[in-house]
Protein backbone atom coordinates (compact mmCIF):
# COMPACT_ATOMS: atom_id res chain seq x y z
CA MET A 1 54.72 91.86 109.28
CA HIS A 2 52.40 89.92 106.98
CA MET A 3 50.26 92.24 104.92
CA THR A 4 46.80 91.49 103.61
CA LEU A 5 45.83 92.44 100.10
CA THR A 6 43.68 95.42 101.02
CA GLU A 7 46.17 96.98 103.43
CA SER A 8 48.79 97.28 100.74
CA ILE A 9 46.46 98.34 97.95
CA LEU A 10 46.06 101.78 99.47
CA PHE A 11 49.58 102.73 98.39
CA THR A 12 49.99 104.77 95.26
CA SER A 13 53.25 104.48 93.37
CA SER A 14 54.36 108.06 93.90
CA ARG A 15 57.88 106.86 93.07
CA PHE A 16 56.85 107.06 89.41
CA LEU A 17 55.35 110.49 89.79
CA LEU A 18 58.59 111.82 91.28
CA LEU A 19 60.88 109.85 89.01
CA TYR A 20 59.16 111.05 85.87
CA LEU A 21 58.30 114.56 86.97
CA PRO A 22 58.29 116.16 83.53
CA LYS A 23 60.61 118.99 82.55
CA GLN A 24 58.69 120.28 79.50
CA PRO A 25 55.85 122.74 80.27
CA GLU A 26 53.28 120.75 78.26
CA LEU A 27 54.09 117.60 80.24
CA SER A 28 53.87 119.38 83.59
CA GLY A 29 50.47 120.71 82.46
CA ALA A 30 49.48 117.09 81.90
CA ALA A 31 50.80 116.19 85.37
CA VAL A 32 48.48 118.80 86.91
CA LEU A 33 45.52 117.47 84.88
CA HIS A 34 46.17 113.90 86.04
CA GLN A 35 46.53 115.02 89.66
CA THR A 36 43.08 116.65 89.35
CA ARG A 37 41.64 113.41 87.98
CA ARG A 38 43.20 111.38 90.82
CA ASP A 39 41.82 113.83 93.39
CA GLN A 40 38.34 113.51 91.89
CA VAL A 41 38.45 109.72 92.35
CA VAL A 42 39.70 110.01 95.96
CA ASP A 43 36.99 112.54 96.84
CA SER A 44 34.26 110.39 95.27
CA CYS A 45 35.51 107.29 97.10
CA ARG A 46 35.52 109.16 100.40
CA ALA A 47 31.96 110.38 99.85
CA TYR A 48 30.82 106.90 98.79
CA SER A 49 32.40 105.09 101.75
CA ALA A 50 30.87 107.64 104.15
CA SER A 51 27.39 106.95 102.73
CA SER A 52 27.76 103.19 102.25
CA ARG A 53 27.79 100.51 104.90
CA LYS A 54 29.25 98.01 102.47
CA ARG A 55 32.88 97.21 103.23
CA ARG A 56 34.52 94.61 101.08
CA VAL A 57 37.95 93.14 100.93
CA LEU A 58 39.53 92.50 97.55
CA THR A 59 40.68 89.00 96.67
CA PRO A 60 43.11 88.03 93.89
CA ALA A 61 40.05 87.02 91.80
CA ASP A 62 39.07 90.72 91.71
CA LEU A 63 42.30 91.53 89.89
CA LYS A 64 41.80 89.63 86.64
CA HIS A 65 41.39 92.86 84.63
CA LEU A 66 44.79 94.20 85.70
CA VAL A 67 47.36 93.41 83.01
CA VAL A 68 50.98 93.37 84.20
CA ASP A 69 54.10 94.41 82.28
CA GLU A 70 57.12 93.34 84.34
CA ASP A 71 59.74 94.91 82.08
CA HIS A 72 58.35 98.44 82.37
CA GLU A 73 56.77 98.02 85.83
CA LEU A 74 53.34 98.86 84.50
CA ILE A 75 49.80 97.74 85.40
CA TYR A 76 46.85 98.45 83.10
CA CYS A 77 43.25 97.81 84.16
CA TYR A 78 41.36 97.15 80.95
CA VAL A 79 37.78 98.36 80.52
CA PRO A 80 35.97 96.88 77.49
CA LYS A 81 34.67 99.48 75.00
CA VAL A 82 37.38 101.98 76.00
CA ALA A 83 40.04 101.19 73.35
CA CYS A 84 41.01 98.07 75.27
CA THR A 85 41.85 96.07 72.12
CA ASN A 86 44.47 98.64 71.12
CA TRP A 87 45.77 98.89 74.67
CA LYS A 88 46.12 95.10 74.85
CA ARG A 89 48.03 95.23 71.55
CA VAL A 90 50.34 97.89 73.04
CA MET A 91 50.83 95.78 76.19
CA MET A 92 51.74 92.80 73.97
CA VAL A 93 54.40 94.96 72.27
CA LEU A 94 55.69 96.11 75.68
CA THR A 95 55.82 92.60 77.16
CA GLY A 96 56.88 90.80 73.96
CA ARG A 97 60.62 91.52 74.30
CA GLY A 98 60.97 92.28 70.59
CA LYS A 99 58.45 89.77 69.29
CA TYR A 100 56.22 92.65 68.07
CA SER A 101 57.07 96.21 67.11
CA ASP A 102 53.84 97.57 65.62
CA PRO A 103 50.67 97.11 67.73
CA MET A 104 48.47 97.12 64.61
CA GLU A 105 50.27 94.05 63.24
CA ILE A 106 48.61 92.05 66.03
CA PRO A 107 45.17 90.72 64.97
CA SER A 108 42.41 91.91 67.31
CA ASN A 109 41.35 88.37 68.24
CA GLU A 110 44.94 87.61 69.31
CA ALA A 111 44.92 90.61 71.65
CA HIS A 112 42.03 89.01 73.54
CA ILE A 113 43.60 85.57 74.05
CA PRO A 114 44.10 85.45 77.86
CA SER A 115 47.42 83.58 77.72
CA ASN A 116 49.02 86.39 75.67
CA LEU A 117 49.09 88.75 78.65
CA LYS A 118 49.69 88.15 82.35
CA THR A 119 47.13 89.48 84.84
CA LEU A 120 47.65 90.37 88.49
CA ASN A 121 45.42 87.58 89.86
CA GLN A 122 48.07 85.06 88.69
CA TYR A 123 50.55 86.21 91.36
CA SER A 124 50.90 85.38 95.06
CA ILE A 125 49.56 87.88 97.63
CA SER A 126 53.05 89.21 98.43
CA GLU A 127 53.86 89.58 94.71
CA ILE A 128 50.53 91.38 94.17
CA ASN A 129 51.32 93.75 97.04
CA HIS A 130 54.78 94.50 95.72
CA ARG A 131 53.48 95.32 92.24
CA LEU A 132 50.57 97.43 93.46
CA LYS A 133 52.94 99.43 95.63
CA ASN A 134 55.74 99.92 93.09
CA TYR A 135 54.37 99.74 89.54
CA LEU A 136 52.72 102.55 87.59
CA LYS A 137 48.98 101.79 87.53
CA PHE A 138 46.62 103.23 84.93
CA LEU A 139 43.19 102.79 83.37
CA PHE A 140 41.11 104.45 80.65
CA VAL A 141 37.49 105.50 81.11
CA ARG A 142 34.65 106.72 78.89
CA GLU A 143 31.35 108.56 79.37
CA PRO A 144 29.34 105.71 81.00
CA PHE A 145 26.24 105.80 78.78
CA GLU A 146 28.28 106.20 75.60
CA ARG A 147 30.23 103.09 76.66
CA LEU A 148 26.96 101.26 77.42
CA VAL A 149 25.41 102.06 74.03
CA SER A 150 28.68 101.12 72.34
CA ALA A 151 28.55 97.71 74.08
CA TYR A 152 24.89 97.25 73.08
CA ARG A 153 25.58 98.14 69.43
CA ASN A 154 28.62 95.87 69.26
CA LYS A 155 27.18 92.83 71.03
CA PHE A 156 23.51 92.89 69.99
CA THR A 157 23.23 94.54 66.57
CA LEU A 158 26.06 92.84 64.66
CA LYS A 159 25.43 89.44 63.05
CA TYR A 160 28.89 88.04 63.84
CA ASN A 161 28.35 88.29 67.62
CA SER A 162 26.12 85.21 67.69
CA SER A 163 27.74 83.95 70.92
CA PHE A 164 26.39 87.03 72.74
CA HIS A 165 23.00 86.63 71.05
CA LYS A 166 22.82 83.03 72.29
CA ARG A 167 24.23 83.68 75.75
CA PHE A 168 22.45 86.93 76.64
CA GLY A 169 20.01 87.73 73.82
CA THR A 170 17.88 84.60 74.24
CA ARG A 171 17.62 85.19 78.00
CA ILE A 172 16.70 88.87 77.55
CA ILE A 173 14.02 88.11 74.92
CA ARG A 174 12.57 85.27 77.01
CA ARG A 175 12.27 87.54 80.05
CA TYR A 176 11.18 90.85 78.57
CA ARG A 177 9.50 90.33 75.20
CA LYS A 178 5.80 89.52 75.11
CA ASN A 179 4.74 87.22 72.26
CA ALA A 180 8.32 86.63 71.10
CA THR A 181 8.65 84.56 67.95
CA GLN A 182 10.22 81.12 68.16
CA GLU A 183 13.11 82.35 66.00
CA ALA A 184 13.84 85.23 68.41
CA LEU A 185 13.72 82.87 71.41
CA VAL A 186 16.18 80.48 69.74
CA ASN A 187 18.62 82.98 68.17
CA GLY A 188 18.36 86.05 70.46
CA ALA A 189 19.62 88.11 67.53
CA ASP A 190 17.42 91.23 67.65
CA VAL A 191 17.46 92.49 71.24
CA LYS A 192 16.05 96.04 71.45
CA PHE A 193 17.89 98.64 73.55
CA LYS A 194 14.74 98.98 75.69
CA GLU A 195 14.92 95.24 76.49
CA PHE A 196 18.64 95.47 77.23
CA ALA A 197 17.97 98.39 79.63
CA GLU A 198 15.22 96.38 81.33
CA TYR A 199 17.64 93.48 81.78
CA LEU A 200 20.32 95.73 83.33
CA VAL A 201 18.04 97.31 85.93
CA ASP A 202 16.16 94.12 86.84
CA PRO A 203 17.06 92.96 90.40
CA ALA A 204 17.02 89.38 89.02
CA THR A 205 20.02 90.26 86.84
CA GLN A 206 21.97 91.37 89.92
CA ARG A 207 21.09 88.08 91.61
CA ASP A 208 22.41 86.16 88.57
CA GLY A 209 25.93 87.33 89.47
CA PRO A 210 28.29 90.06 88.22
CA LEU A 211 27.41 91.83 84.98
CA ASN A 212 29.31 90.89 81.84
CA GLU A 213 32.57 92.87 81.56
CA HIS A 214 31.34 94.79 78.49
CA TRP A 215 28.63 96.55 80.52
CA GLN A 216 29.99 96.13 84.05
CA THR A 217 30.87 99.41 85.77
CA VAL A 218 34.47 100.64 85.87
CA TYR A 219 34.02 100.74 89.65
CA GLN A 220 33.48 96.95 89.73
CA LEU A 221 36.07 96.06 87.09
CA CYS A 222 39.01 98.13 88.36
CA HIS A 223 38.19 98.80 92.06
CA PRO A 224 39.41 102.42 92.07
CA CYS A 225 38.53 102.90 95.75
CA HIS A 226 40.87 100.06 96.74
CA ILE A 227 43.55 100.54 94.12
CA HIS A 228 44.93 104.05 93.71
CA TYR A 229 45.64 104.49 90.02
CA ASP A 230 48.46 106.86 89.15
CA MET A 231 46.95 107.79 85.85
CA VAL A 232 43.34 108.00 84.63
CA GLY A 233 43.09 108.37 80.86
CA LYS A 234 39.90 109.37 79.05
CA TYR A 235 38.47 108.12 75.79
CA ASP A 236 37.81 111.69 74.60
CA THR A 237 41.57 112.47 74.88
CA LEU A 238 42.68 108.93 74.10
CA GLU A 239 45.80 109.40 71.99
CA GLU A 240 47.11 112.29 74.05
CA ASP A 241 46.64 110.44 77.36
CA ALA A 242 47.89 107.12 75.98
CA ASN A 243 51.09 108.63 74.62
CA TYR A 244 51.59 110.40 77.96
CA VAL A 245 51.58 106.97 79.68
CA LEU A 246 54.10 105.65 77.15
CA ARG A 247 56.36 108.66 77.77
CA LEU A 248 56.08 108.13 81.53
CA VAL A 249 57.49 104.61 81.24
CA GLY A 250 60.22 105.73 78.88
CA VAL A 251 59.05 104.21 75.58
CA GLY A 252 57.45 107.31 74.03
CA ASP A 253 60.16 107.63 71.37
CA SER A 254 59.86 104.07 70.07
CA LEU A 255 56.14 103.34 70.51
CA ARG A 256 53.05 105.38 69.69
CA PHE A 257 49.48 104.52 70.56
CA PRO A 258 47.55 103.53 67.37
CA SER A 259 45.61 106.40 65.80
CA TYR A 260 41.89 106.11 66.30
CA ALA A 261 39.65 107.08 63.40
CA LYS A 262 36.61 104.86 63.72
CA SER A 263 33.74 106.14 61.63
CA THR A 264 31.31 103.79 63.39
CA ARG A 265 32.16 104.90 66.92
CA THR A 266 29.31 105.64 69.30
CA THR A 267 28.83 109.38 69.82
CA ASP A 268 26.94 111.44 72.39
CA ALA A 269 24.20 112.23 69.84
CA MET A 270 23.79 108.55 69.06
CA THR A 271 23.60 107.73 72.79
CA ALA A 272 20.89 110.38 73.29
CA GLN A 273 18.91 108.78 70.46
CA PHE A 274 19.01 105.33 72.12
CA PHE A 275 18.05 106.78 75.50
CA SER A 276 15.04 108.56 73.98
CA ASN A 277 13.55 105.09 73.39
CA ILE A 278 13.47 104.05 77.05
CA SER A 279 11.20 105.15 79.88
CA THR A 280 12.04 107.86 82.42
CA GLN A 281 12.12 105.18 85.11
CA GLN A 282 14.65 103.11 83.16
CA GLN A 283 16.79 106.21 82.58
CA ILE A 284 16.82 106.97 86.31
CA GLN A 285 17.62 103.35 87.20
CA LEU A 286 20.44 103.17 84.68
CA TYR A 287 21.89 106.41 86.03
CA GLN A 288 21.81 104.92 89.55
CA LEU A 289 23.60 101.80 88.27
CA TYR A 290 26.42 103.81 86.66
CA LYS A 291 26.37 106.79 89.04
CA LEU A 292 29.75 106.09 90.62
CA ASP A 293 31.42 106.00 87.20
CA PHE A 294 29.87 109.39 86.41
CA LEU A 295 31.01 110.90 89.72
CA MET A 296 34.51 109.40 89.94
CA TYR A 297 35.52 110.41 86.46
CA ASN A 298 33.83 113.79 86.43
CA TYR A 299 31.22 113.11 83.74
CA THR A 300 28.22 115.40 84.01
CA THR A 301 24.69 114.01 84.06
CA PRO A 302 23.64 113.91 80.38
CA SER A 303 21.31 116.74 79.34
CA TYR A 304 19.02 114.27 77.51
CA LEU A 305 18.13 112.38 80.70
CA ARG A 306 14.63 112.85 82.07
CA MET A 307 15.41 112.70 85.77
CA ASP A 308 12.14 114.06 87.18
């Protein structure tokens, strides 16, 4: 029987969960935690599909964020601003067949060269189905507004990101800044968070096409209602969850996830500060935009939001 993409995607690779059912108590505690996270996603998807009339079928083009490691039968859906550079480095070590041993030896720009990693959209439909059914699938998520502010800070407040300033900054300033200077219109280098928020919630932005991957929702990047991920890692427990994945595929003794000690990382307090500069209406609209990511991954509505 010929299977379409969506029919097969509903399988979860329980083979891995049985094969690697951990013996140590701390690992079985982790197994329970990850089952709870999977259940949360399933429940949210069920509630969403009951309330939504939108039914869509995935195409291979939807799978370009799913990185494949054939040797360890692993699929990683990368979400920008959730340690994806380090995860891509780790995937390069895993798929490199000895070419690399230490993820941190790989320059960050090399980790983002598309040809260095194979993604699921490069396979035939039957090959996609086989991998989705049999490989261990995982992703990492982050509190949605913290991720959003992190993307804003990285792409719009740093001088070296001039390509983003030109591509998005000029458009945002042209649309939302009254009496913009000629320099701002040409360089797009000083976009305010308020202007960025306005851009995100503007219906015209939705009509322009999908959001850029750095601020697109996890729901749209990784399709968790179509693809049943075996493991959902969180940015707040990054190293713990990452090393759990590496143990699951049997490389935990030889490979550790890089330690994360970024002094510039975006915190909850910092996010609250940025959100205090936008209107109540913008806050509500942004929450609506990222609501599924909040619900699916069990992030509570931030206390600093003015939702009334």
